[in-house]
């Protein structure tokens, strides 16, 4: 098999790669796969690093059996009849990618979407979420430091890697403030890892609302901590995930005590928001900085009215006028961080972690050792038609 590593063509340029130079060497030596890398001036690993590892660079990848990228591949660059791996952002019928979906069908491409690579129970097996959490928490702390003039961290994207980012953390000096991390998945675990590097004390949700501390502290909230059944029934996890519309939020009990909210929890549009815009107007709403790592526009965090960018990660939200404002750190505004591509800020580390998962969990299946049907299950289309799992896309794809 011959594998090609694509140059990212979507704007803004993504610096991540599916495989680092060292991982390309593993592909070739341990899996017997030939690897070709398309030259690029902007990826997190330079062409020279690939050359130094003995990996061949080549513009034309048409001889490759499988092509791997990160973001959507420009339609004009798609090669008919190939197997592609990338985030297609089509499975929710995203309007802006409908033409891409049409092209994948027309060119008889087997589209294997990273987001669709799951175990037999349909739990995702790989993702960049961990680094989204790390960078999201870092940005949240950076915003808090800037808002109150406590410290000025270098933006994460200006750090070469996690080693330099950890050095920056030495600047952090926090007062006796309180933080919340929502969620318990990859993203939340990344945020908690970052807070752990600072040795910030973790407390229970009960302690969070009932006690004061002389140091900075944080608590982790799960869905059952801030949602309850409307009919008063005891918490039922299965019911919540199947019928979230039958629940209401109780997050208001935490907002009088929270200074920095790092939101990492998946949100179903049928579920209640954490809080409403009207609640943000009141004096009991103490949150001054919100790092919305999930970045659901007009979703679970109502102040996330738009996404921000890596170079301009913060904007202000005025709860009285319910509008975004230009100055993110003015007293009348809540500081919002809502970058929707956070792992891109640490492309080298995020790529290394992601490539490791691909090598362990996906490449063996791609090479034929696939008893659970991972590759077929993760394929949206093949041979000019949708796979059965994705028949719901028929009106969108054809």
Protein backbone atom coordinates (compact mmCIF):
# COMPACT_ATOMS: atom_id res chain seq x y z
CA UNK A 1 0.00 0.00 0.00
CA UNK A 2 1.12 3.54 -0.74
CA UNK A 3 -0.09 6.36 1.55
CA UNK A 4 -0.01 10.05 0.67
CA UNK A 5 0.03 12.90 3.20
CA UNK A 6 -1.88 15.84 1.74
CA UNK A 7 -0.94 19.50 1.90
CA UNK A 8 -3.76 21.35 3.66
CA UNK A 9 -5.62 23.44 1.10
CA UNK A 10 -8.47 24.92 3.09
CA UNK A 11 -8.21 28.51 4.32
CA UNK A 12 -7.21 29.51 6.92
CA UNK A 13 -4.27 27.11 6.67
CA UNK A 14 -4.23 24.26 9.16
CA UNK A 15 -0.74 23.37 10.44
CA UNK A 16 -1.63 19.92 11.77
CA UNK A 17 -0.64 16.68 10.03
CA UNK A 18 -2.01 13.13 10.30
CA UNK A 19 1.52 11.75 10.72
CA UNK A 20 4.73 13.37 11.93
CA UNK A 21 8.06 12.60 10.21
CA UNK A 22 8.91 10.03 12.90
CA UNK A 23 5.53 8.35 12.48
CA UNK A 24 6.00 8.17 8.70
CA UNK A 25 9.19 6.22 9.42
CA UNK A 26 7.19 3.80 11.60
CA UNK A 27 4.64 3.38 8.80
CA UNK A 28 7.39 2.44 6.40
CA UNK A 29 9.54 0.25 8.66
CA UNK A 30 6.97 -1.50 10.85
CA UNK A 31 3.93 -1.63 8.56
CA UNK A 32 5.71 -1.94 5.20
CA UNK A 33 3.82 1.03 3.78
CA UNK A 34 5.33 3.46 1.31
CA UNK A 35 4.71 7.08 2.29
CA UNK A 36 4.73 10.17 0.07
CA UNK A 37 4.34 13.66 1.51
CA UNK A 38 3.07 16.60 -0.51
CA UNK A 39 5.34 19.63 0.04
CA UNK A 40 3.94 22.45 2.20
CA UNK A 41 5.20 25.80 3.42
CA UNK A 42 2.81 26.04 6.35
CA UNK A 43 2.46 22.73 8.14
CA UNK A 44 3.75 22.38 11.71
CA UNK A 45 6.52 20.04 10.54
CA UNK A 46 8.71 21.42 7.77
CA UNK A 47 9.56 19.69 4.51
CA UNK A 48 13.15 19.49 5.70
CA UNK A 49 12.08 17.54 8.80
CA UNK A 50 10.39 14.96 6.58
CA UNK A 51 13.42 14.79 4.28
CA UNK A 52 15.74 14.38 7.26
CA UNK A 53 13.67 11.40 8.37
CA UNK A 54 14.08 9.81 4.96
CA UNK A 55 10.49 10.42 3.85
CA UNK A 56 9.95 11.19 0.16
CA UNK A 57 8.30 14.49 -0.79
CA UNK A 58 6.31 14.57 -4.00
CA UNK A 59 3.75 16.96 -5.46
CA UNK A 60 1.84 14.34 -7.44
CA UNK A 61 0.11 11.83 -5.14
CA UNK A 62 -1.99 10.17 -7.84
CA UNK A 63 -0.10 6.87 -7.45
CA UNK A 64 -1.14 6.60 -3.78
CA UNK A 65 -3.87 4.20 -2.68
CA UNK A 66 -4.88 6.20 0.38
CA UNK A 67 -4.69 9.96 0.96
CA UNK A 68 -4.77 11.53 4.42
CA UNK A 69 -5.31 15.16 5.41
CA UNK A 70 -6.91 17.04 8.28
CA UNK A 71 -9.47 19.57 7.02
CA UNK A 72 -11.72 19.39 3.95
CA UNK A 73 -9.85 18.80 0.69
CA UNK A 74 -10.61 21.39 -2.04
CA UNK A 75 -12.90 19.86 -4.66
CA UNK A 76 -10.49 20.62 -7.50
CA UNK A 77 -7.76 18.62 -5.73
CA UNK A 78 -9.80 15.43 -5.23
CA UNK A 79 -8.50 12.41 -7.16
CA UNK A 80 -11.22 10.06 -8.39
CA UNK A 81 -11.41 6.50 -7.11
CA UNK A 82 -9.14 6.98 -4.07
CA UNK A 83 -9.61 6.37 -0.37
CA UNK A 84 -9.53 9.63 1.60
CA UNK A 85 -9.25 10.33 5.31
CA UNK A 86 -10.11 13.83 6.58
CA UNK A 87 -12.73 15.72 8.57
CA UNK A 88 -15.37 16.25 5.87
CA UNK A 89 -17.88 18.11 8.06
CA UNK A 90 -20.76 16.69 6.04
CA UNK A 91 -22.50 14.25 8.40
CA UNK A 92 -24.72 16.98 9.87
CA UNK A 93 -25.68 18.11 6.35
CA UNK A 94 -23.53 21.21 6.65
CA UNK A 95 -24.70 23.46 3.79
CA UNK A 96 -21.25 24.87 3.04
CA UNK A 97 -19.91 21.39 2.26
CA UNK A 98 -22.78 20.04 0.15
CA UNK A 99 -20.80 20.56 -3.07
CA UNK A 100 -17.92 18.63 -1.52
CA UNK A 101 -20.31 15.78 -0.73
CA UNK A 102 -21.58 15.78 -4.31
CA UNK A 103 -17.99 15.64 -5.60
CA UNK A 104 -17.07 12.72 -3.33
CA UNK A 105 -20.00 10.75 -4.75
CA UNK A 106 -19.37 11.78 -8.36
CA UNK A 107 -15.67 10.90 -8.19
CA UNK A 108 -16.45 7.50 -6.58
CA UNK A 109 -14.22 8.30 -3.61
CA UNK A 110 -14.28 6.23 -0.42
CA UNK A 111 -14.64 8.97 2.19
CA UNK A 112 -13.46 7.75 5.58
CA UNK A 113 -14.24 10.53 8.03
CA UNK A 114 -12.15 10.64 11.22
CA UNK A 115 -15.27 11.70 13.09
CA UNK A 116 -16.98 8.48 12.02
CA UNK A 117 -14.24 6.09 13.14
CA UNK A 118 -15.96 4.39 16.06
CA UNK A 119 -16.01 1.17 18.02
CA UNK A 120 -18.96 -1.23 17.43
CA UNK A 121 -20.99 0.79 19.97
CA UNK A 122 -20.37 3.95 17.90
CA UNK A 123 -18.06 5.63 20.41
CA UNK A 124 -15.38 7.70 18.67
CA UNK A 125 -11.93 6.18 18.97
CA UNK A 126 -9.71 9.10 17.91
CA UNK A 127 -9.88 12.88 18.13
CA UNK A 128 -8.10 16.16 18.79
CA UNK A 129 -10.34 16.98 21.76
CA UNK A 130 -7.64 16.57 24.40
CA UNK A 131 -5.57 19.38 22.93
CA UNK A 132 -8.67 21.53 22.47
CA UNK A 133 -9.11 21.26 26.23
CA UNK A 134 -5.47 22.04 26.99
CA UNK A 135 -5.40 25.13 24.77
CA UNK A 136 -8.90 26.21 25.80
CA UNK A 137 -7.98 26.20 29.49
CA UNK A 138 -4.70 27.99 28.72
CA UNK A 139 -6.57 30.67 26.76
CA UNK A 140 -9.11 31.02 29.57
CA UNK A 141 -6.36 31.64 32.10
CA UNK A 142 -4.61 33.99 29.69
CA UNK A 143 -7.85 35.96 29.33
CA UNK A 144 -8.30 36.12 33.10
CA UNK A 145 -4.74 37.39 33.54
CA UNK A 146 -5.20 40.07 30.88
CA UNK A 147 -8.60 41.17 32.19
CA UNK A 148 -7.34 41.82 35.71
CA UNK A 149 -3.75 42.81 34.87
CA UNK A 150 -2.31 39.81 36.73
CA UNK A 151 -0.02 38.31 34.09
CA UNK A 152 0.48 38.27 30.33
CA UNK A 153 0.95 34.81 28.80
CA UNK A 154 2.33 34.34 25.32
CA UNK A 155 -0.46 33.16 22.98
CA UNK A 156 -0.44 29.40 22.67
CA UNK A 157 0.00 29.54 18.89
CA UNK A 158 3.27 31.45 19.38
CA UNK A 159 4.66 28.61 21.52
CA UNK A 160 6.67 26.07 19.55
CA UNK A 161 5.20 23.19 21.54
CA UNK A 162 3.93 22.05 24.95
CA UNK A 163 7.40 22.43 26.44
CA UNK A 164 7.38 26.16 25.76
CA UNK A 165 3.74 26.47 26.82
CA UNK A 166 4.58 24.89 30.18
CA UNK A 167 7.35 27.45 30.63
CA UNK A 168 4.81 30.22 30.06
CA UNK A 169 2.66 28.81 32.87
CA UNK A 170 5.33 29.85 35.36
CA UNK A 171 4.02 33.41 34.93
CA UNK A 172 0.59 32.48 36.27
CA UNK A 173 -0.17 33.95 39.70
CA UNK A 174 -3.81 33.54 40.64
CA UNK A 175 -5.78 35.04 43.53
CA UNK A 176 -8.29 33.02 45.55
CA UNK A 177 -10.65 32.66 42.61
CA UNK A 178 -12.90 29.78 41.58
CA UNK A 179 -13.08 27.93 38.26
CA UNK A 180 -15.47 25.41 36.74
CA UNK A 181 -14.65 22.78 34.12
CA UNK A 182 -17.74 21.17 32.56
CA UNK A 183 -17.72 17.71 31.01
CA UNK A 184 -15.89 14.43 31.47
CA UNK A 185 -14.60 13.54 27.99
CA UNK A 186 -11.38 14.13 26.08
CA UNK A 187 -11.84 17.90 26.04
CA UNK A 188 -12.49 18.22 29.77
CA UNK A 189 -9.59 15.90 30.56
CA UNK A 190 -7.31 18.15 28.53
CA UNK A 191 -8.45 21.20 30.48
CA UNK A 192 -7.94 19.38 33.77
CA UNK A 193 -4.43 18.34 32.68
CA UNK A 194 -3.57 21.99 32.11
CA UNK A 195 -4.90 23.03 35.52
CA UNK A 196 -2.96 20.13 37.03
CA UNK A 197 0.28 21.57 35.64
CA UNK A 198 -0.43 24.62 37.80
CA UNK A 199 -1.18 22.45 40.84
CA UNK A 200 -4.55 24.14 41.24
CA UNK A 201 -6.59 22.49 43.98
CA UNK A 202 -9.59 20.46 42.89
CA UNK A 203 -12.70 20.57 45.07
CA UNK A 204 -16.15 19.00 44.99
CA UNK A 205 -19.19 20.80 43.58
CA UNK A 206 -20.58 21.01 47.13
CA UNK A 207 -17.39 22.63 48.42
CA UNK A 208 -17.49 25.00 45.46
CA UNK A 209 -20.85 26.46 46.47
CA UNK A 210 -20.49 26.26 50.25
CA UNK A 211 -16.92 27.17 51.17
CA UNK A 212 -14.36 29.91 50.62
CA UNK A 213 -10.69 29.23 50.00
CA UNK A 214 -7.44 31.13 50.32
CA UNK A 215 -6.17 29.82 47.00
CA UNK A 216 -7.38 29.33 43.44
CA UNK A 217 -9.57 26.22 43.15
CA UNK A 218 -11.64 24.45 40.51
CA UNK A 219 -14.39 21.88 40.32
CA UNK A 220 -15.46 19.56 37.55
CA UNK A 221 -19.17 19.41 36.76
CA UNK A 222 -20.93 16.50 35.06
CA UNK A 223 -24.37 16.68 33.45
CA UNK A 224 -26.07 15.45 36.64
CA UNK A 225 -24.51 18.32 38.62
CA UNK A 226 -26.44 21.00 36.72
CA UNK A 227 -29.48 19.32 35.18
CA UNK A 228 -32.62 17.89 36.75
CA UNK A 229 -35.78 16.23 35.44
CA UNK A 230 -38.70 18.62 35.04
CA UNK A 231 -41.03 16.09 36.66
CA UNK A 232 -38.83 15.75 39.75
CA UNK A 233 -37.77 12.17 39.01
CA UNK A 234 -34.31 11.00 40.18
CA UNK A 235 -31.37 11.47 37.82
CA UNK A 236 -31.42 9.00 34.95
CA UNK A 237 -28.42 9.18 32.64
CA UNK A 238 -30.03 7.21 29.81
CA UNK A 239 -33.17 9.31 29.96
CA UNK A 240 -31.11 12.52 29.85
CA UNK A 241 -29.24 11.45 26.72
CA UNK A 242 -32.36 10.14 24.98
CA UNK A 243 -34.75 12.93 26.03
CA UNK A 244 -32.75 15.98 27.16
CA UNK A 245 -35.76 18.19 26.49
CA UNK A 246 -37.35 16.66 29.61
CA UNK A 247 -34.72 18.33 31.81
CA UNK A 248 -33.98 21.85 33.03
CA UNK A 249 -30.72 23.49 34.02
CA UNK A 250 -29.75 24.14 37.63
CA UNK A 251 -26.47 25.81 36.72
CA UNK A 252 -27.61 29.03 38.40
CA UNK A 253 -26.54 27.63 41.77
CA UNK A 254 -22.91 27.77 40.59
CA UNK A 255 -22.74 31.17 38.84
CA UNK A 256 -22.65 33.29 42.05
CA UNK A 257 -19.40 31.51 42.99
CA UNK A 258 -17.61 31.15 39.64
CA UNK A 259 -14.99 33.54 38.24
CA UNK A 260 -13.75 31.54 35.23
CA UNK A 261 -15.89 29.02 33.35
CA UNK A 262 -14.11 26.52 31.08
CA UNK A 263 -16.92 24.85 29.15
CA UNK A 264 -15.94 21.49 27.66
CA UNK A 265 -19.19 19.53 27.75
CA UNK A 266 -20.96 18.18 24.67
CA UNK A 267 -24.35 19.81 24.17
CA UNK A 268 -27.44 18.44 22.46
CA UNK A 269 -29.56 21.26 20.94
CA UNK A 270 -32.59 19.65 22.58
CA UNK A 271 -31.01 20.06 26.02
CA UNK A 272 -31.35 23.18 28.17
CA UNK A 273 -28.64 25.80 27.99
CA UNK A 274 -26.44 26.15 31.02
CA UNK A 275 -28.03 29.54 31.63
CA UNK A 276 -30.00 32.16 29.72
CA UNK A 277 -29.09 35.68 28.66
CA UNK A 278 -31.54 37.12 31.19
CA UNK A 279 -29.73 35.31 34.01
CA UNK A 280 -26.45 36.86 32.93
CA UNK A 281 -27.85 40.33 33.64
CA UNK A 282 -28.31 39.76 37.36
CA UNK A 283 -25.85 40.65 40.14
CA UNK A 284 -25.68 36.99 41.15
CA UNK A 285 -23.92 36.13 37.89
CA UNK A 286 -20.27 36.43 38.92
CA UNK A 287 -18.54 34.82 35.93
CA UNK A 288 -16.16 37.34 34.35
CA UNK A 289 -14.35 35.09 31.85
CA UNK A 290 -15.87 32.27 29.78
CA UNK A 291 -13.63 29.93 27.80
CA UNK A 292 -16.19 28.18 25.60
CA UNK A 293 -14.10 25.32 24.26
CA UNK A 294 -17.14 23.67 22.67
CA UNK A 295 -17.86 26.87 20.69
CA UNK A 296 -21.50 26.13 19.89
CA UNK A 297 -22.74 29.39 18.37
CA UNK A 298 -25.95 30.49 20.13
CA UNK A 299 -25.82 27.14 21.91
CA UNK A 300 -25.19 25.99 25.46
CA UNK A 301 -23.45 29.28 26.38
CA UNK A 302 -25.67 32.14 25.15
CA UNK A 303 -22.85 34.70 25.18
CA UNK A 304 -21.10 32.72 22.42
CA UNK A 305 -22.70 34.72 19.64
CA UNK A 306 -19.81 34.14 17.23
CA UNK A 307 -16.53 32.29 17.04
CA UNK A 308 -13.24 34.07 17.59
CA UNK A 309 -9.91 33.46 15.90
CA UNK A 310 -6.55 32.11 16.98
CA UNK A 311 -4.95 35.53 16.56
CA UNK A 312 -7.89 37.40 18.16
CA UNK A 313 -9.27 34.86 20.65
CA UNK A 314 -11.27 37.19 22.90
CA UNK A 315 -14.30 39.39 22.54
CA UNK A 316 -16.58 41.05 25.03
CA UNK A 317 -20.22 40.29 25.73
CA UNK A 318 -22.34 42.96 27.39
CA UNK A 319 -25.05 41.13 29.34
CA UNK A 320 -27.20 44.27 29.67
CA UNK A 321 -27.42 44.93 25.94
CA UNK A 322 -27.01 41.23 25.09
CA UNK A 323 -24.52 42.07 22.35
CA UNK A 324 -20.87 41.42 21.56
CA UNK A 325 -18.59 44.42 22.08
CA UNK A 326 -15.20 45.30 20.65
CA UNK A 327 -13.27 45.56 23.91
CA UNK A 328 -13.03 42.13 25.55
CA UNK A 329 -11.72 43.32 28.91
CA UNK A 330 -13.92 46.28 29.76
CA UNK A 331 -15.68 46.15 33.14
CA UNK A 332 -19.20 46.13 31.70
CA UNK A 333 -18.48 43.08 29.56
CA UNK A 334 -17.88 39.40 30.13
CA UNK A 335 -14.70 38.19 28.41
CA UNK A 336 -15.48 35.37 25.95
CA UNK A 337 -12.99 32.99 24.32
CA UNK A 338 -14.67 30.97 21.55
CA UNK A 339 -11.98 29.73 19.14
CA UNK A 340 -13.35 26.84 17.06
CA UNK A 341 -10.00 25.29 16.02
CA UNK A 342 -8.02 25.28 19.27
CA UNK A 343 -5.79 22.24 18.55
CA UNK A 344 -4.26 24.22 15.67
CA UNK A 345 -2.50 26.38 18.27
CA UNK A 346 -0.23 23.48 19.22
CA UNK A 347 0.02 21.69 15.86
CA UNK A 348 3.17 19.69 16.61
CA UNK A 349 1.95 18.16 19.86
CA UNK A 350 -1.63 17.69 18.63
CA UNK A 351 -0.36 15.97 15.46
CA UNK A 352 1.98 13.67 17.36
CA UNK A 353 -0.81 12.55 19.70
CA UNK A 354 -3.28 12.10 16.84
CA UNK A 355 -0.83 10.19 14.65
CA UNK A 356 -0.09 7.83 17.55
CA UNK A 357 -3.79 6.97 17.78
CA UNK A 358 -4.00 6.46 14.03
CA UNK A 359 -1.04 4.09 14.10
CA UNK A 360 -2.46 2.07 16.98
CA UNK A 361 -6.15 2.00 16.15
CA UNK A 362 -6.65 2.67 12.43
CA UNK A 363 -3.67 1.62 10.31
CA UNK A 364 -3.92 -2.11 11.20
CA UNK A 365 -7.59 -2.05 10.14
CA UNK A 366 -6.73 -0.18 6.95
CA UNK A 367 -4.16 -2.85 6.10
CA UNK A 368 -6.70 -5.63 6.45
CA UNK A 369 -6.77 -6.55 10.14
CA UNK A 370 -10.30 -5.24 10.63
CA UNK A 371 -12.50 -7.88 12.30
CA UNK A 372 -14.93 -5.23 13.66
CA UNK A 373 -15.41 -3.43 10.33
CA UNK A 374 -13.88 -0.15 11.53
CA UNK A 375 -13.06 1.20 8.06
CA UNK A 376 -16.42 0.32 6.52
CA UNK A 377 -18.26 1.75 9.53
CA UNK A 378 -16.29 5.00 9.22
CA UNK A 379 -16.90 5.35 5.47
CA UNK A 380 -19.58 7.83 4.42
CA UNK A 381 -19.54 6.89 0.74
CA UNK A 382 -17.89 4.40 -1.60
CA UNK A 383 -18.11 3.51 -5.30
CA UNK A 384 -20.42 6.43 -6.05
CA UNK A 385 -23.02 5.78 -3.35
CA UNK A 386 -23.65 6.30 0.35
CA UNK A 387 -22.96 3.50 2.79
CA UNK A 388 -26.09 2.23 4.62
CA UNK A 389 -25.17 3.97 7.89
CA UNK A 390 -25.34 7.33 6.08
CA UNK A 391 -28.46 6.84 3.98
CA UNK A 392 -30.02 9.71 5.93
CA UNK A 393 -27.75 12.01 3.87
CA UNK A 394 -29.36 10.96 0.57
CA UNK A 395 -31.30 14.20 -0.01
CA UNK A 396 -28.15 16.16 0.80
CA UNK A 397 -25.56 14.05 -1.01
CA UNK A 398 -27.19 13.07 -4.28
